[in-house]
Amino acid sequence: MLVCAFPAGLLACNCYVLAPHPKADAVIVDPGQGAFAPLRRILDEHRLTPAAVLLTHGHIDHI
């Protein structure tokens, strides 16, 4: 299981990228503003394909 986390957005909420293994479909959890660059890096580094976005709670900065 691949789990990558980083703070994103104005409130620095944790964003997660989850996948069963490299080169697989991935779920992105709670992306906020400013998450694009770190997400792109993680997706490229592990050759992941974004398959879904999950928002666990509402913040103005979640995209």
PDB file of N, CA and C in Angstrom:
ATOM      1  N   MET A   1       0.852  -1.173   0.000  1.00  0.00           N
ATOM      2  CA  MET A   1       0.000   0.000   0.000  1.00  0.00           C
ATOM      3  C   MET A   1       0.895   1.232   0.000  1.00  0.00           C
ATOM      4  N   LEU A   2       0.572   2.170  -0.866  1.00  0.00           N
ATOM      5  CA  LEU A   2       1.315   3.416  -0.960  1.00  0.00           C
ATOM      6  C   LEU A   2       0.468   4.521  -0.332  1.00  0.00           C
ATOM      7  N   VAL A   3       1.015   5.207   0.663  1.00  0.00           N
ATOM      8  CA  VAL A   3       0.337   6.321   1.322  1.00  0.00           C
ATOM      9  C   VAL A   3       1.311   7.491   1.374  1.00  0.00           C
ATOM     10  N   CYS A   4       0.938   8.586   0.708  1.00  0.00           N
ATOM     11  CA  CYS A   4       1.751   9.805   0.730  1.00  0.00           C
ATOM     12  C   CYS A   4       0.894  10.915   1.312  1.00  0.00           C
ATOM     13  N   ALA A   5       1.461  11.723   2.186  1.00  0.00           N
ATOM     14  CA  ALA A   5       0.716  12.810   2.819  1.00  0.00           C
ATOM     15  C   ALA A   5       1.545  14.084   2.800  1.00  0.00           C
ATOM     16  N   PHE A   6       0.846  15.214   2.703  1.00  0.00           N
ATOM     17  CA  PHE A   6       1.504  16.520   2.768  1.00  0.00           C
ATOM     18  C   PHE A   6       0.463  17.560   3.156  1.00  0.00           C
ATOM     19  N   PRO A   7       0.874  18.663   3.806  1.00  0.00           N
ATOM     20  CA  PRO A   7      -0.061  19.738   4.144  1.00  0.00           C
ATOM     21  C   PRO A   7      -0.348  20.584   2.903  1.00  0.00           C
ATOM     22  N   ALA A   8      -1.617  20.983   2.752  1.00  0.00           N
ATOM     23  CA  ALA A   8      -2.001  21.788   1.584  1.00  0.00           C
ATOM     24  C   ALA A   8      -3.078  22.794   1.966  1.00  0.00           C
ATOM     25  N   GLY A   9      -3.094  23.891   1.256  1.00  0.00           N
ATOM     26  CA  GLY A   9      -4.141  24.882   1.440  1.00  0.00           C
ATOM     27  C   GLY A   9      -3.822  25.907   2.504  1.00  0.00           C
ATOM     28  N   LEU A  10      -4.715  26.871   2.604  1.00  0.00           N
ATOM     29  CA  LEU A  10      -4.541  27.966   3.555  1.00  0.00           C
ATOM     30  C   LEU A  10      -4.479  27.484   5.002  1.00  0.00           C
ATOM     31  N   LEU A  11      -5.201  26.405   5.281  1.00  0.00           N
ATOM     32  CA  LEU A  11      -5.239  25.886   6.649  1.00  0.00           C
ATOM     33  C   LEU A  11      -4.258  24.735   6.867  1.00  0.00           C
ATOM     34  N   ALA A  12      -3.434  24.450   5.859  1.00  0.00           N
ATOM     35  CA  ALA A  12      -2.430  23.381   5.928  1.00  0.00           C
ATOM     36  C   ALA A  12      -3.038  22.050   6.363  1.00  0.00           C
ATOM     37  N   CYS A  13      -4.214  21.729   5.799  1.00  0.00           N
ATOM     38  CA  CYS A  13      -4.842  20.438   6.080  1.00  0.00           C
ATOM     39  C   CYS A  13      -4.078  19.337   5.356  1.00  0.00           C
ATOM     40  N   ASN A  14      -4.050  18.170   5.935  1.00  0.00           N
ATOM     41  CA  ASN A  14      -3.332  17.063   5.321  1.00  0.00           C
ATOM     42  C   ASN A  14      -4.056  16.573   4.082  1.00  0.00           C
ATOM     43  N   CYS A  15      -3.309  16.417   3.013  1.00  0.00           N
ATOM     44  CA  CYS A  15      -3.779  15.828   1.765  1.00  0.00           C
ATOM     45  C   CYS A  15      -3.084  14.478   1.638  1.00  0.00           C
ATOM     46  N   TYR A  16      -3.808  13.476   1.169  1.00  0.00           N
ATOM     47  CA  TYR A  16      -3.255  12.131   1.041  1.00  0.00           C
ATOM     48  C   TYR A  16      -3.406  11.630  -0.385  1.00  0.00           C
ATOM     49  N   VAL A  17      -2.454  10.823  -0.804  1.00  0.00           N
ATOM     50  CA  VAL A  17      -2.546  10.078  -2.051  1.00  0.00           C
ATOM     51  C   VAL A  17      -2.430   8.609  -1.663  1.00  0.00           C
ATOM     52  N   LEU A  18      -3.452   7.829  -2.019  1.00  0.00           N
ATOM     53  CA  LEU A  18      -3.513   6.418  -1.642  1.00  0.00           C
ATOM     54  C   LEU A  18      -3.550   5.555  -2.895  1.00  0.00           C
ATOM     55  N   ALA A  19      -2.762   4.500  -2.908  1.00  0.00           N
ATOM     56  CA  ALA A  19      -2.759   3.565  -4.028  1.00  0.00           C
ATOM     57  C   ALA A  19      -2.298   2.199  -3.529  1.00  0.00           C
ATOM     58  N   PRO A  20      -2.730   1.137  -4.187  1.00  0.00           N
ATOM     59  CA  PRO A  20      -2.306  -0.192  -3.741  1.00  0.00           C
ATOM     60  C   PRO A  20      -0.824  -0.459  -3.989  1.00  0.00           C
ATOM     61  N   HIS A  21      -0.255   0.203  -5.008  1.00  0.00           N
ATOM     62  CA  HIS A  21       1.155   0.029  -5.357  1.00  0.00           C
ATOM     63  C   HIS A  21       1.509   1.060  -6.422  1.00  0.00           C
ATOM     64  N   PRO A  22       2.794   1.273  -6.699  1.00  0.00           N
ATOM     65  CA  PRO A  22       3.169   2.183  -7.782  1.00  0.00           C
ATOM     66  C   PRO A  22       2.578   1.714  -9.115  1.00  0.00           C
ATOM     67  N   LYS A  23       2.409   2.634 -10.045  1.00  0.00           N
ATOM     68  CA  LYS A  23       1.853   2.363 -11.380  1.00  0.00           C
ATOM     69  C   LYS A  23       0.402   1.914 -11.317  1.00  0.00           C
ATOM     70  N   ALA A  24      -0.356   2.388 -10.326  1.00  0.00           N
ATOM     71  CA  ALA A  24      -1.753   1.994 -10.145  1.00  0.00           C
ATOM     72  C   ALA A  24      -2.648   3.230 -10.150  1.00  0.00           C
ATOM     73  N   ASP A  25      -3.963   2.998 -10.082  1.00  0.00           N
ATOM     74  CA  ASP A  25      -4.909   4.089  -9.872  1.00  0.00           C
ATOM     75  C   ASP A  25      -4.770   4.576  -8.436  1.00  0.00           C
ATOM     76  N   ALA A  26      -4.976   5.881  -8.245  1.00  0.00           N
ATOM     77  CA  ALA A  26      -4.817   6.474  -6.917  1.00  0.00           C
ATOM     78  C   ALA A  26      -6.059   7.259  -6.520  1.00  0.00           C
ATOM     79  N   VAL A  27      -6.282   7.340  -5.225  1.00  0.00           N
ATOM     80  CA  VAL A  27      -7.332   8.177  -4.648  1.00  0.00           C
ATOM     81  C   VAL A  27      -6.641   9.348  -3.960  1.00  0.00           C
ATOM     82  N   ILE A  28      -7.116  10.550  -4.249  1.00  0.00           N
ATOM     83  CA  ILE A  28      -6.588  11.769  -3.632  1.00  0.00           C
ATOM     84  C   ILE A  28      -7.589  12.203  -2.569  1.00  0.00           C
ATOM     85  N   VAL A  29      -7.113  12.397  -1.350  1.00  0.00           N
ATOM     86  CA  VAL A  29      -7.984  12.733  -0.224  1.00  0.00           C
ATOM     87  C   VAL A  29      -7.695  14.155   0.249  1.00  0.00           C
ATOM     88  N   ASP A  30      -8.728  14.982   0.285  1.00  0.00           N
ATOM     89  CA  ASP A  30      -8.705  16.349   0.814  1.00  0.00           C
ATOM     90  C   ASP A  30      -7.668  17.283   0.186  1.00  0.00           C
ATOM     91  N   PRO A  31      -7.651  17.397  -1.151  1.00  0.00           N
ATOM     92  CA  PRO A  31      -6.744  18.376  -1.757  1.00  0.00           C
ATOM     93  C   PRO A  31      -7.231  19.791  -1.488  1.00  0.00           C
ATOM     94  N   GLY A  32      -6.336  20.666  -1.184  1.00  0.00           N
ATOM     95  CA  GLY A  32      -6.672  22.075  -0.975  1.00  0.00           C
ATOM     96  C   GLY A  32      -5.955  22.941  -1.987  1.00  0.00           C
ATOM     97  N   GLN A  33      -6.169  24.244  -1.914  1.00  0.00           N
ATOM     98  CA  GLN A  33      -5.449  25.157  -2.792  1.00  0.00           C
ATOM     99  C   GLN A  33      -3.958  24.966  -2.576  1.00  0.00           C
ATOM    100  N   GLY A  34      -3.205  25.020  -3.636  1.00  0.00           N
ATOM    101  CA  GLY A  34      -1.767  24.826  -3.527  1.00  0.00           C
ATOM    102  C   GLY A  34      -1.351  23.370  -3.534  1.00  0.00           C
ATOM    103  N   ALA A  35      -2.304  22.459  -3.714  1.00  0.00           N
ATOM    104  CA  ALA A  35      -1.980  21.031  -3.696  1.00  0.00           C
ATOM    105  C   ALA A  35      -1.496  20.518  -5.049  1.00  0.00           C
ATOM    106  N   PHE A  36      -1.718  21.289  -6.130  1.00  0.00           N
ATOM    107  CA  PHE A  36      -1.436  20.758  -7.463  1.00  0.00           C
ATOM    108  C   PHE A  36       0.026  20.345  -7.639  1.00  0.00           C
ATOM    109  N   ALA A  37       0.963  21.211  -7.305  1.00  0.00           N
ATOM    110  CA  ALA A  37       2.384  20.899  -7.527  1.00  0.00           C
ATOM    111  C   ALA A  37       2.836  19.664  -6.739  1.00  0.00           C
ATOM    112  N   PRO A  38       2.547  19.578  -5.428  1.00  0.00           N
ATOM    113  CA  PRO A  38       2.951  18.367  -4.704  1.00  0.00           C
ATOM    114  C   PRO A  38       2.235  17.112  -5.221  1.00  0.00           C
ATOM    115  N   LEU A  39       0.950  17.263  -5.587  1.00  0.00           N
ATOM    116  CA  LEU A  39       0.220  16.114  -6.130  1.00  0.00           C
ATOM    117  C   LEU A  39       0.854  15.632  -7.427  1.00  0.00           C
ATOM    118  N   ARG A  40       1.147  16.569  -8.322  1.00  0.00           N
ATOM    119  CA  ARG A  40       1.757  16.211  -9.605  1.00  0.00           C
ATOM    120  C   ARG A  40       3.080  15.488  -9.386  1.00  0.00           C
ATOM    121  N   ARG A  41       3.883  15.979  -8.429  1.00  0.00           N
ATOM    122  CA  ARG A  41       5.172  15.352  -8.137  1.00  0.00           C
ATOM    123  C   ARG A  41       4.992  13.913  -7.647  1.00  0.00           C
ATOM    124  N   ILE A  42       4.065  13.712  -6.712  1.00  0.00           N
ATOM    125  CA  ILE A  42       3.810  12.375  -6.164  1.00  0.00           C
ATOM    126  C   ILE A  42       3.266  11.443  -7.243  1.00  0.00           C
ATOM    127  N   LEU A  43       2.298  11.929  -8.019  1.00  0.00           N
ATOM    128  CA  LEU A  43       1.715  11.098  -9.074  1.00  0.00           C
ATOM    129  C   LEU A  43       2.772  10.698 -10.099  1.00  0.00           C
ATOM    130  N   ASP A  44       3.596  11.655 -10.513  1.00  0.00           N
ATOM    131  CA  ASP A  44       4.655  11.365 -11.487  1.00  0.00           C
ATOM    132  C   ASP A  44       5.717  10.430 -10.913  1.00  0.00           C
ATOM    133  N   GLU A  45       6.134  10.707  -9.682  1.00  0.00           N
ATOM    134  CA  GLU A  45       7.197   9.916  -9.045  1.00  0.00           C
ATOM    135  C   GLU A  45       6.823   8.443  -8.939  1.00  0.00           C
ATOM    136  N   HIS A  46       5.551   8.175  -8.636  1.00  0.00           N
ATOM    137  CA  HIS A  46       5.097   6.796  -8.436  1.00  0.00           C
ATOM    138  C   HIS A  46       4.319   6.257  -9.634  1.00  0.00           C
ATOM    139  N   ARG A  47       4.257   7.055 -10.704  1.00  0.00           N
ATOM    140  CA  ARG A  47       3.543   6.679 -11.939  1.00  0.00           C
ATOM    141  C   ARG A  47       2.098   6.289 -11.651  1.00  0.00           C
ATOM    142  N   LEU A  48       1.422   7.136 -10.884  1.00  0.00           N
ATOM    143  CA  LEU A  48       0.036   6.889 -10.495  1.00  0.00           C
ATOM    144  C   LEU A  48      -0.926   7.625 -11.417  1.00  0.00           C
ATOM    145  N   THR A  49      -2.116   7.055 -11.570  1.00  0.00           N
ATOM    146  CA  THR A  49      -3.192   7.682 -12.326  1.00  0.00           C
ATOM    147  C   THR A  49      -4.279   8.094 -11.348  1.00  0.00           C
ATOM    148  N   PRO A  50      -4.624   9.393 -11.272  1.00  0.00           N
ATOM    149  CA  PRO A  50      -5.699   9.792 -10.359  1.00  0.00           C
ATOM    150  C   PRO A  50      -7.031   9.203 -10.820  1.00  0.00           C
ATOM    151  N   ALA A  51      -7.691   8.488  -9.934  1.00  0.00           N
ATOM    152  CA  ALA A  51      -8.954   7.831 -10.265  1.00  0.00           C
ATOM    153  C   ALA A  51     -10.136   8.441  -9.528  1.00  0.00           C
ATOM    154  N   ALA A  52      -9.889   9.046  -8.358  1.00  0.00           N
ATOM    155  CA  ALA A  52     -10.983   9.608  -7.566  1.00  0.00           C
ATOM    156  C   ALA A  52     -10.434  10.642  -6.594  1.00  0.00           C
ATOM    157  N   VAL A  53     -11.320  11.554  -6.203  1.00  0.00           N
ATOM    158  CA  VAL A  53     -11.011  12.546  -5.171  1.00  0.00           C
ATOM    159  C   VAL A  53     -12.039  12.375  -4.066  1.00  0.00           C
ATOM    160  N   LEU A  54     -11.572  12.284  -2.839  1.00  0.00           N
ATOM    161  CA  LEU A  54     -12.445  12.131  -1.679  1.00  0.00           C
ATOM    162  C   LEU A  54     -12.275  13.346  -0.778  1.00  0.00           C
ATOM    163  N   LEU A  55     -13.382  14.015  -0.478  1.00  0.00           N
ATOM    164  CA  LEU A  55     -13.368  15.139   0.462  1.00  0.00           C
ATOM    165  C   LEU A  55     -14.034  14.666   1.744  1.00  0.00           C
ATOM    166  N   THR A  56     -13.277  14.642   2.830  1.00  0.00           N
ATOM    167  CA  THR A  56     -13.801  14.126   4.091  1.00  0.00           C
ATOM    168  C   THR A  56     -14.511  15.187   4.916  1.00  0.00           C
ATOM    169  N   HIS A  57     -14.260  16.443   4.584  1.00  0.00           N
ATOM    170  CA  HIS A  57     -14.888  17.546   5.300  1.00  0.00           C
ATOM    171  C   HIS A  57     -14.800  18.787   4.425  1.00  0.00           C
ATOM    172  N   GLY A  58     -15.583  19.786   4.727  1.00  0.00           N
ATOM    173  CA  GLY A  58     -15.619  20.977   3.897  1.00  0.00           C
ATOM    174  C   GLY A  58     -14.758  22.105   4.420  1.00  0.00           C
ATOM    175  N   HIS A  59     -13.906  22.608   3.563  1.00  0.00           N
ATOM    176  CA  HIS A  59     -13.142  23.827   3.812  1.00  0.00           C
ATOM    177  C   HIS A  59     -13.238  24.666   2.555  1.00  0.00           C
ATOM    178  N   ILE A  60     -13.173  25.955   2.698  1.00  0.00           N
ATOM    179  CA  ILE A  60     -13.257  26.853   1.558  1.00  0.00           C
ATOM    180  C   ILE A  60     -12.138  26.601   0.554  1.00  0.00           C
ATOM    181  N   ASP A  61     -10.994  26.075   1.017  1.00  0.00           N
ATOM    182  CA  ASP A  61      -9.855  25.894   0.118  1.00  0.00           C
ATOM    183  C   ASP A  61      -9.813  24.534  -0.568  1.00  0.00           C
ATOM    184  N   HIS A  62     -10.732  23.635  -0.268  1.00  0.00           N
ATOM    185  CA  HIS A  62     -10.714  22.329  -0.928  1.00  0.00           C
ATOM    186  C   HIS A  62     -11.201  22.471  -2.356  1.00  0.00           C
ATOM    187  N   ILE A  63     -10.515  21.765  -3.260  1.00  0.00           N
ATOM    188  CA  ILE A  63     -10.878  21.838  -4.676  1.00  0.00           C
ATOM    189  C   ILE A  63     -11.342  20.493  -5.190  1.00  0.00           C
TER     190      ILE A  63
END
